[in-house]
Amino acid sequence: ILHGYQSSRPATKGWTQAETAEYARLWEQWRETAA
């Protein structure tokens, strides 16, 4: 069924602490404004 489609992902070190904190801050900002 998936002929021609090849799933792949490169290796990653994941998110840094700063990226995790910024994501949480932006997510909370969106929640608050949507509320």
ModelCIF file with pLDDT and N, C-alpha, C, O atoms, coordinates in Angstrom:
data_MODEL
#
_entry.id   MODEL 
#
_entity.id                         1 
_entity.type                       polymer 
_entity.pdbx_number_of_molecules   1 
#
_entity_poly.entity_id                      1 
_entity_poly.type                           'polypeptide(L)' 
_entity_poly.nstd_linkage                   no 
_entity_poly.nstd_monomer                   no 
_entity_poly.pdbx_seq_one_letter_code       ILHGYQSSRPATKGWTQAETAEYARLWEQWRETAA 
_entity_poly.pdbx_seq_one_letter_code_can   ILHGYQSSRPATKGWTQAETAEYARLWEQWRETAA 
_entity_poly.pdbx_strand_id                 A 
#
loop_
_entity_poly_seq.entity_id 
_entity_poly_seq.num 
_entity_poly_seq.mon_id 
_entity_poly_seq.hetero 
1 1  ILE n 
1 2  LEU n 
1 3  HIS n 
1 4  GLY n 
1 5  TYR n 
1 6  GLN n 
1 7  SER n 
1 8  SER n 
1 9  ARG n 
1 10 PRO n 
1 11 ALA n 
1 12 THR n 
1 13 LYS n 
1 14 GLY n 
1 15 TRP n 
1 16 THR n 
1 17 GLN n 
1 18 ALA n 
1 19 GLU n 
1 20 THR n 
1 21 ALA n 
1 22 GLU n 
1 23 TYR n 
1 24 ALA n 
1 25 ARG n 
1 26 LEU n 
1 27 TRP n 
1 28 GLU n 
1 29 GLN n 
1 30 TRP n 
1 31 ARG n 
1 32 GLU n 
1 33 THR n 
1 34 ALA n 
1 35 ALA n 
#
_struct_asym.id          A 
_struct_asym.entity_id   1 
#
loop_
_ma_qa_metric.id 
_ma_qa_metric.mode 
_ma_qa_metric.name 
_ma_qa_metric.software_group_id 
_ma_qa_metric.type 
1 global pLDDT . pLDDT 
2 local  pLDDT . pLDDT 
#
_ma_qa_metric_global.metric_id      1 
_ma_qa_metric_global.metric_value   89.54 
_ma_qa_metric_global.model_id       1 
_ma_qa_metric_global.ordinal_id     1 
#
loop_
_ma_qa_metric_local.label_asym_id 
_ma_qa_metric_local.label_comp_id 
_ma_qa_metric_local.label_seq_id 
_ma_qa_metric_local.metric_id 
_ma_qa_metric_local.metric_value 
_ma_qa_metric_local.model_id 
_ma_qa_metric_local.ordinal_id 
A ILE 1  2 59.00 1 1  
A LEU 2  2 56.00 1 2  
A HIS 3  2 57.00 1 3  
A GLY 4  2 59.00 1 4  
A TYR 5  2 61.00 1 5  
A GLN 6  2 66.00 1 6  
A SER 7  2 76.00 1 7  
A SER 8  2 85.00 1 8  
A ARG 9  2 89.00 1 9  
A PRO 10 2 92.00 1 10 
A ALA 11 2 95.00 1 11 
A THR 12 2 95.00 1 12 
A LYS 13 2 96.00 1 13 
A GLY 14 2 96.00 1 14 
A TRP 15 2 97.00 1 15 
A THR 16 2 97.00 1 16 
A GLN 17 2 98.00 1 17 
A ALA 18 2 98.00 1 18 
A GLU 19 2 98.00 1 19 
A THR 20 2 97.00 1 20 
A ALA 21 2 98.00 1 21 
A GLU 22 2 98.00 1 22 
A TYR 23 2 98.00 1 23 
A ALA 24 2 98.00 1 24 
A ARG 25 2 98.00 1 25 
A LEU 26 2 98.00 1 26 
A TRP 27 2 98.00 1 27 
A GLU 28 2 98.00 1 28 
A GLN 29 2 98.00 1 29 
A TRP 30 2 97.00 1 30 
A ARG 31 2 98.00 1 31 
A GLU 32 2 98.00 1 32 
A THR 33 2 97.00 1 33 
A ALA 34 2 97.00 1 34 
A ALA 35 2 98.00 1 35 
#
loop_
_atom_site.group_PDB 
_atom_site.id 
_atom_site.type_symbol 
_atom_site.label_atom_id 
_atom_site.label_alt_id 
_atom_site.label_comp_id 
_atom_site.label_asym_id 
_atom_site.label_entity_id 
_atom_site.label_seq_id 
_atom_site.pdbx_PDB_ins_code 
_atom_site.Cartn_x 
_atom_site.Cartn_y 
_atom_site.Cartn_z 
_atom_site.occupancy 
_atom_site.B_iso_or_equiv 
_atom_site.pdbx_formal_charge 
_atom_site.auth_seq_id 
_atom_site.auth_comp_id 
_atom_site.auth_asym_id 
_atom_site.auth_atom_id 
_atom_site.pdbx_PDB_model_num 
ATOM 1   N N  . ILE A 1 1  ? 0.825   -1.211 0.000  1.00 59.00 ? 1  ILE A N  1 
ATOM 2   C CA . ILE A 1 1  ? 0.000   0.000  0.000  1.00 59.00 ? 1  ILE A CA 1 
ATOM 3   C C  . ILE A 1 1  ? 0.855   1.255  0.000  1.00 59.00 ? 1  ILE A C  1 
ATOM 4   O O  . ILE A 1 1  ? 0.490   2.246  -0.632 1.00 59.00 ? 1  ILE A O  1 
ATOM 5   N N  . LEU A 1 2  ? 1.970   1.233  0.686  1.00 56.00 ? 2  LEU A N  1 
ATOM 6   C CA . LEU A 1 2  ? 2.810   2.418  0.783  1.00 56.00 ? 2  LEU A CA 1 
ATOM 7   C C  . LEU A 1 2  ? 3.938   2.396  -0.242 1.00 56.00 ? 2  LEU A C  1 
ATOM 8   O O  . LEU A 1 2  ? 4.978   3.019  -0.031 1.00 56.00 ? 2  LEU A O  1 
ATOM 9   N N  . HIS A 1 3  ? 3.742   1.693  -1.335 1.00 57.00 ? 3  HIS A N  1 
ATOM 10  C CA . HIS A 1 3  ? 4.783   1.583  -2.345 1.00 57.00 ? 3  HIS A CA 1 
ATOM 11  C C  . HIS A 1 3  ? 5.234   2.981  -2.775 1.00 57.00 ? 3  HIS A C  1 
ATOM 12  O O  . HIS A 1 3  ? 4.419   3.831  -3.133 1.00 57.00 ? 3  HIS A O  1 
ATOM 13  N N  . GLY A 1 4  ? 6.523   3.192  -2.732 1.00 59.00 ? 4  GLY A N  1 
ATOM 14  C CA . GLY A 1 4  ? 7.064   4.476  -3.113 1.00 59.00 ? 4  GLY A CA 1 
ATOM 15  C C  . GLY A 1 4  ? 7.222   5.436  -1.949 1.00 59.00 ? 4  GLY A C  1 
ATOM 16  O O  . GLY A 1 4  ? 7.860   6.478  -2.097 1.00 59.00 ? 4  GLY A O  1 
ATOM 17  N N  . TYR A 1 5  ? 6.661   5.113  -0.807 1.00 61.00 ? 5  TYR A N  1 
ATOM 18  C CA . TYR A 1 5  ? 6.791   5.967  0.372  1.00 61.00 ? 5  TYR A CA 1 
ATOM 19  C C  . TYR A 1 5  ? 7.764   5.305  1.320  1.00 61.00 ? 5  TYR A C  1 
ATOM 20  O O  . TYR A 1 5  ? 7.587   4.143  1.686  1.00 61.00 ? 5  TYR A O  1 
ATOM 21  N N  . GLN A 1 6  ? 8.781   6.028  1.716  1.00 66.00 ? 6  GLN A N  1 
ATOM 22  C CA . GLN A 1 6  ? 9.766   5.478  2.634  1.00 66.00 ? 6  GLN A CA 1 
ATOM 23  C C  . GLN A 1 6  ? 9.892   6.405  3.830  1.00 66.00 ? 6  GLN A C  1 
ATOM 24  O O  . GLN A 1 6  ? 10.286  7.563  3.692  1.00 66.00 ? 6  GLN A O  1 
ATOM 25  N N  . SER A 1 7  ? 9.558   5.896  4.987  1.00 76.00 ? 7  SER A N  1 
ATOM 26  C CA . SER A 1 7  ? 9.611   6.681  6.209  1.00 76.00 ? 7  SER A CA 1 
ATOM 27  C C  . SER A 1 7  ? 11.037  6.690  6.750  1.00 76.00 ? 7  SER A C  1 
ATOM 28  O O  . SER A 1 7  ? 11.706  5.658  6.796  1.00 76.00 ? 7  SER A O  1 
ATOM 29  N N  . SER A 1 8  ? 11.482  7.861  7.153  1.00 85.00 ? 8  SER A N  1 
ATOM 30  C CA . SER A 1 8  ? 12.791  7.941  7.785  1.00 85.00 ? 8  SER A CA 1 
ATOM 31  C C  . SER A 1 8  ? 12.848  9.193  8.650  1.00 85.00 ? 8  SER A C  1 
ATOM 32  O O  . SER A 1 8  ? 12.131  10.167 8.418  1.00 85.00 ? 8  SER A O  1 
ATOM 33  N N  . ARG A 1 9  ? 13.715  9.142  9.646  1.00 89.00 ? 9  ARG A N  1 
ATOM 34  C CA . ARG A 1 9  ? 13.987  10.281 10.502 1.00 89.00 ? 9  ARG A CA 1 
ATOM 35  C C  . ARG A 1 9  ? 15.473  10.258 10.831 1.00 89.00 ? 9  ARG A C  1 
ATOM 36  O O  . ARG A 1 9  ? 16.035  9.198  11.104 1.00 89.00 ? 9  ARG A O  1 
ATOM 37  N N  . PRO A 1 10 ? 16.110  11.425 10.807 1.00 92.00 ? 10 PRO A N  1 
ATOM 38  C CA . PRO A 1 10 ? 17.530  11.463 11.156 1.00 92.00 ? 10 PRO A CA 1 
ATOM 39  C C  . PRO A 1 10 ? 17.722  11.345 12.668 1.00 92.00 ? 10 PRO A C  1 
ATOM 40  O O  . PRO A 1 10 ? 16.790  11.577 13.439 1.00 92.00 ? 10 PRO A O  1 
ATOM 41  N N  . ALA A 1 11 ? 18.910  10.990 13.076 1.00 95.00 ? 11 ALA A N  1 
ATOM 42  C CA . ALA A 1 11 ? 19.223  10.953 14.505 1.00 95.00 ? 11 ALA A CA 1 
ATOM 43  C C  . ALA A 1 11 ? 19.110  12.372 15.062 1.00 95.00 ? 11 ALA A C  1 
ATOM 44  O O  . ALA A 1 11 ? 19.394  13.347 14.365 1.00 95.00 ? 11 ALA A O  1 
ATOM 45  N N  . THR A 1 12 ? 18.699  12.476 16.311 1.00 95.00 ? 12 THR A N  1 
ATOM 46  C CA . THR A 1 12 ? 18.574  13.784 16.947 1.00 95.00 ? 12 THR A CA 1 
ATOM 47  C C  . THR A 1 12 ? 19.002  13.696 18.407 1.00 95.00 ? 12 THR A C  1 
ATOM 48  O O  . THR A 1 12 ? 18.850  12.665 19.062 1.00 95.00 ? 12 THR A O  1 
ATOM 49  N N  . LYS A 1 13 ? 19.538  14.802 18.890 1.00 96.00 ? 13 LYS A N  1 
ATOM 50  C CA . LYS A 1 13 ? 19.892  14.896 20.308 1.00 96.00 ? 13 LYS A CA 1 
ATOM 51  C C  . LYS A 1 13 ? 18.685  15.318 21.138 1.00 96.00 ? 13 LYS A C  1 
ATOM 52  O O  . LYS A 1 13 ? 18.770  15.390 22.364 1.00 96.00 ? 13 LYS A O  1 
ATOM 53  N N  . GLY A 1 14 ? 17.561  15.596 20.478 1.00 96.00 ? 14 GLY A N  1 
ATOM 54  C CA . GLY A 1 14 ? 16.362  16.041 21.180 1.00 96.00 ? 14 GLY A CA 1 
ATOM 55  C C  . GLY A 1 14 ? 16.395  17.530 21.449 1.00 96.00 ? 14 GLY A C  1 
ATOM 56  O O  . GLY A 1 14 ? 17.260  18.244 20.941 1.00 96.00 ? 14 GLY A O  1 
ATOM 57  N N  . TRP A 1 15 ? 15.455  17.992 22.245 1.00 97.00 ? 15 TRP A N  1 
ATOM 58  C CA . TRP A 1 15 ? 15.343  19.407 22.555 1.00 97.00 ? 15 TRP A CA 1 
ATOM 59  C C  . TRP A 1 15 ? 16.293  19.764 23.697 1.00 97.00 ? 15 TRP A C  1 
ATOM 60  O O  . TRP A 1 15 ? 16.541  18.957 24.593 1.00 97.00 ? 15 TRP A O  1 
ATOM 61  N N  . THR A 1 16 ? 16.808  20.964 23.646 1.00 97.00 ? 16 THR A N  1 
ATOM 62  C CA . THR A 1 16 ? 17.607  21.464 24.764 1.00 97.00 ? 16 THR A CA 1 
ATOM 63  C C  . THR A 1 16 ? 16.659  21.909 25.878 1.00 97.00 ? 16 THR A C  1 
ATOM 64  O O  . THR A 1 16 ? 15.449  22.010 25.673 1.00 97.00 ? 16 THR A O  1 
ATOM 65  N N  . GLN A 1 17 ? 17.217  22.169 27.044 1.00 98.00 ? 17 GLN A N  1 
ATOM 66  C CA . GLN A 1 17 ? 16.388  22.680 28.146 1.00 98.00 ? 17 GLN A CA 1 
ATOM 67  C C  . GLN A 1 17 ? 15.786  24.030 27.778 1.00 98.00 ? 17 GLN A C  1 
ATOM 68  O O  . GLN A 1 17 ? 14.640  24.320 28.122 1.00 98.00 ? 17 GLN A O  1 
ATOM 69  N N  . ALA A 1 18 ? 16.561  24.852 27.079 1.00 98.00 ? 18 ALA A N  1 
ATOM 70  C CA . ALA A 1 18 ? 16.058  26.170 26.672 1.00 98.00 ? 18 ALA A CA 1 
ATOM 71  C C  . ALA A 1 18 ? 14.912  26.021 25.681 1.00 98.00 ? 18 ALA A C  1 
ATOM 72  O O  . ALA A 1 18 ? 13.924  26.749 25.774 1.00 98.00 ? 18 ALA A O  1 
ATOM 73  N N  . GLU A 1 19 ? 15.022  25.093 24.731 1.00 98.00 ? 19 GLU A N  1 
ATOM 74  C CA . GLU A 1 19 ? 13.952  24.866 23.758 1.00 98.00 ? 19 GLU A CA 1 
ATOM 75  C C  . GLU A 1 19 ? 12.699  24.340 24.447 1.00 98.00 ? 19 GLU A C  1 
ATOM 76  O O  . GLU A 1 19 ? 11.584  24.744 24.117 1.00 98.00 ? 19 GLU A O  1 
ATOM 77  N N  . THR A 1 20 ? 12.888  23.440 25.402 1.00 97.00 ? 20 THR A N  1 
ATOM 78  C CA . THR A 1 20 ? 11.751  22.887 26.146 1.00 97.00 ? 20 THR A CA 1 
ATOM 79  C C  . THR A 1 20 ? 11.047  23.994 26.930 1.00 97.00 ? 20 THR A C  1 
ATOM 80  O O  . THR A 1 20 ? 9.818   24.059 26.951 1.00 97.00 ? 20 THR A O  1 
ATOM 81  N N  . ALA A 1 21 ? 11.823  24.857 27.568 1.00 98.00 ? 21 ALA A N  1 
ATOM 82  C CA . ALA A 1 21 ? 11.240  25.951 28.351 1.00 98.00 ? 21 ALA A CA 1 
ATOM 83  C C  . ALA A 1 21 ? 10.519  26.952 27.438 1.00 98.00 ? 21 ALA A C  1 
ATOM 84  O O  . ALA A 1 21 ? 9.438   27.430 27.781 1.00 98.00 ? 21 ALA A O  1 
ATOM 85  N N  . GLU A 1 22 ? 11.106  27.268 26.288 1.00 98.00 ? 22 GLU A N  1 
ATOM 86  C CA . GLU A 1 22 ? 10.475  28.208 25.365 1.00 98.00 ? 22 GLU A CA 1 
ATOM 87  C C  . GLU A 1 22 ? 9.186   27.625 24.793 1.00 98.00 ? 22 GLU A C  1 
ATOM 88  O O  . GLU A 1 22 ? 8.192   28.337 24.653 1.00 98.00 ? 22 GLU A O  1 
ATOM 89  N N  . TYR A 1 23 ? 9.199   26.333 24.462 1.00 98.00 ? 23 TYR A N  1 
ATOM 90  C CA . TYR A 1 23 ? 7.993   25.680 23.967 1.00 98.00 ? 23 TYR A CA 1 
ATOM 91  C C  . TYR A 1 23 ? 6.890   25.745 25.025 1.00 98.00 ? 23 TYR A C  1 
ATOM 92  O O  . TYR A 1 23 ? 5.746   26.067 24.707 1.00 98.00 ? 23 TYR A O  1 
ATOM 93  N N  . ALA A 1 24 ? 7.225   25.444 26.266 1.00 98.00 ? 24 ALA A N  1 
ATOM 94  C CA . ALA A 1 24 ? 6.233   25.489 27.351 1.00 98.00 ? 24 ALA A CA 1 
ATOM 95  C C  . ALA A 1 24 ? 5.689   26.909 27.526 1.00 98.00 ? 24 ALA A C  1 
ATOM 96  O O  . ALA A 1 24 ? 4.492   27.092 27.750 1.00 98.00 ? 24 ALA A O  1 
ATOM 97  N N  . ARG A 1 25 ? 6.562   27.908 27.426 1.00 98.00 ? 25 ARG A N  1 
ATOM 98  C CA . ARG A 1 25 ? 6.134   29.295 27.579 1.00 98.00 ? 25 ARG A CA 1 
ATOM 99  C C  . ARG A 1 25 ? 5.172   29.694 26.457 1.00 98.00 ? 25 ARG A C  1 
ATOM 100 O O  . ARG A 1 25 ? 4.126   30.292 26.711 1.00 98.00 ? 25 ARG A O  1 
ATOM 101 N N  . LEU A 1 26 ? 5.536   29.356 25.210 1.00 98.00 ? 26 LEU A N  1 
ATOM 102 C CA . LEU A 1 26 ? 4.675   29.698 24.076 1.00 98.00 ? 26 LEU A CA 1 
ATOM 103 C C  . LEU A 1 26 ? 3.347   28.941 24.129 1.00 98.00 ? 26 LEU A C  1 
ATOM 104 O O  . LEU A 1 26 ? 2.306   29.500 23.784 1.00 98.00 ? 26 LEU A O  1 
ATOM 105 N N  . TRP A 1 27 ? 3.371   27.688 24.553 1.00 98.00 ? 27 TRP A N  1 
ATOM 106 C CA . TRP A 1 27 ? 2.147   26.895 24.671 1.00 98.00 ? 27 TRP A CA 1 
ATOM 107 C C  . TRP A 1 27 ? 1.219   27.513 25.714 1.00 98.00 ? 27 TRP A C  1 
ATOM 108 O O  . TRP A 1 27 ? 0.015   27.634 25.488 1.00 98.00 ? 27 TRP A O  1 
ATOM 109 N N  . GLU A 1 28 ? 1.777   27.898 26.842 1.00 98.00 ? 28 GLU A N  1 
ATOM 110 C CA . GLU A 1 28 ? 0.974   28.523 27.896 1.00 98.00 ? 28 GLU A CA 1 
ATOM 111 C C  . GLU A 1 28 ? 0.412   29.867 27.427 1.00 98.00 ? 28 GLU A C  1 
ATOM 112 O O  . GLU A 1 28 ? -0.737  30.198 27.722 1.00 98.00 ? 28 GLU A O  1 
ATOM 113 N N  . GLN A 1 29 ? 1.213   30.634 26.704 1.00 98.00 ? 29 GLN A N  1 
ATOM 114 C CA . GLN A 1 29 ? 0.742   31.921 26.166 1.00 98.00 ? 29 GLN A CA 1 
ATOM 115 C C  . GLN A 1 29 ? -0.436  31.698 25.230 1.00 98.00 ? 29 GLN A C  1 
ATOM 116 O O  . GLN A 1 29 ? -1.410  32.448 25.282 1.00 98.00 ? 29 GLN A O  1 
ATOM 117 N N  . TRP A 1 30 ? -0.369  30.689 24.381 1.00 97.00 ? 30 TRP A N  1 
ATOM 118 C CA . TRP A 1 30 ? -1.477  30.385 23.478 1.00 97.00 ? 30 TRP A CA 1 
ATOM 119 C C  . TRP A 1 30 ? -2.712  29.970 24.267 1.00 97.00 ? 30 TRP A C  1 
ATOM 120 O O  . TRP A 1 30 ? -3.816  30.426 23.973 1.00 97.00 ? 30 TRP A O  1 
ATOM 121 N N  . ARG A 1 31 ? -2.535  29.102 25.274 1.00 98.00 ? 31 ARG A N  1 
ATOM 122 C CA . ARG A 1 31 ? -3.678  28.662 26.099 1.00 98.00 ? 31 ARG A CA 1 
ATOM 123 C C  . ARG A 1 31 ? -4.361  29.858 26.760 1.00 98.00 ? 31 ARG A C  1 
ATOM 124 O O  . ARG A 1 31 ? -5.587  29.968 26.754 1.00 98.00 ? 31 ARG A O  1 
ATOM 125 N N  . GLU A 1 32 ? -3.556  30.746 27.324 1.00 98.00 ? 32 GLU A N  1 
ATOM 126 C CA . GLU A 1 32 ? -4.125  31.903 28.024 1.00 98.00 ? 32 GLU A CA 1 
ATOM 127 C C  . GLU A 1 32 ? -4.872  32.831 27.073 1.00 98.00 ? 32 GLU A C  1 
ATOM 128 O O  . GLU A 1 32 ? -5.960  33.304 27.400 1.00 98.00 ? 32 GLU A O  1 
ATOM 129 N N  . THR A 1 33 ? -4.303  33.095 25.908 1.00 97.00 ? 33 THR A N  1 
ATOM 130 C CA . THR A 1 33 ? -4.966  33.997 24.966 1.00 97.00 ? 33 THR A CA 1 
ATOM 131 C C  . THR A 1 33 ? -6.218  33.350 24.384 1.00 97.00 ? 33 THR A C  1 
ATOM 132 O O  . THR A 1 33 ? -7.227  34.026 24.182 1.00 97.00 ? 33 THR A O  1 
ATOM 133 N N  . ALA A 1 34 ? -6.163  32.057 24.115 1.00 97.00 ? 34 ALA A N  1 
ATOM 134 C CA . ALA A 1 34 ? -7.353  31.360 23.605 1.00 97.00 ? 34 ALA A CA 1 
ATOM 135 C C  . ALA A 1 34 ? -8.461  31.352 24.664 1.00 97.00 ? 34 ALA A C  1 
ATOM 136 O O  . ALA A 1 34 ? -9.638  31.499 24.334 1.00 97.00 ? 34 ALA A O  1 
ATOM 137 N N  . ALA A 1 35 ? -8.090  31.184 25.918 1.00 98.00 ? 35 ALA A N  1 
ATOM 138 C CA . ALA A 1 35 ? -9.088  31.192 26.999 1.00 98.00 ? 35 ALA A CA 1 
ATOM 139 C C  . ALA A 1 35 ? -9.800  32.535 27.077 1.00 98.00 ? 35 ALA A C  1 
ATOM 140 O O  . ALA A 1 35 ? -10.671 32.724 27.926 1.00 98.00 ? 35 ALA A O  1 
#
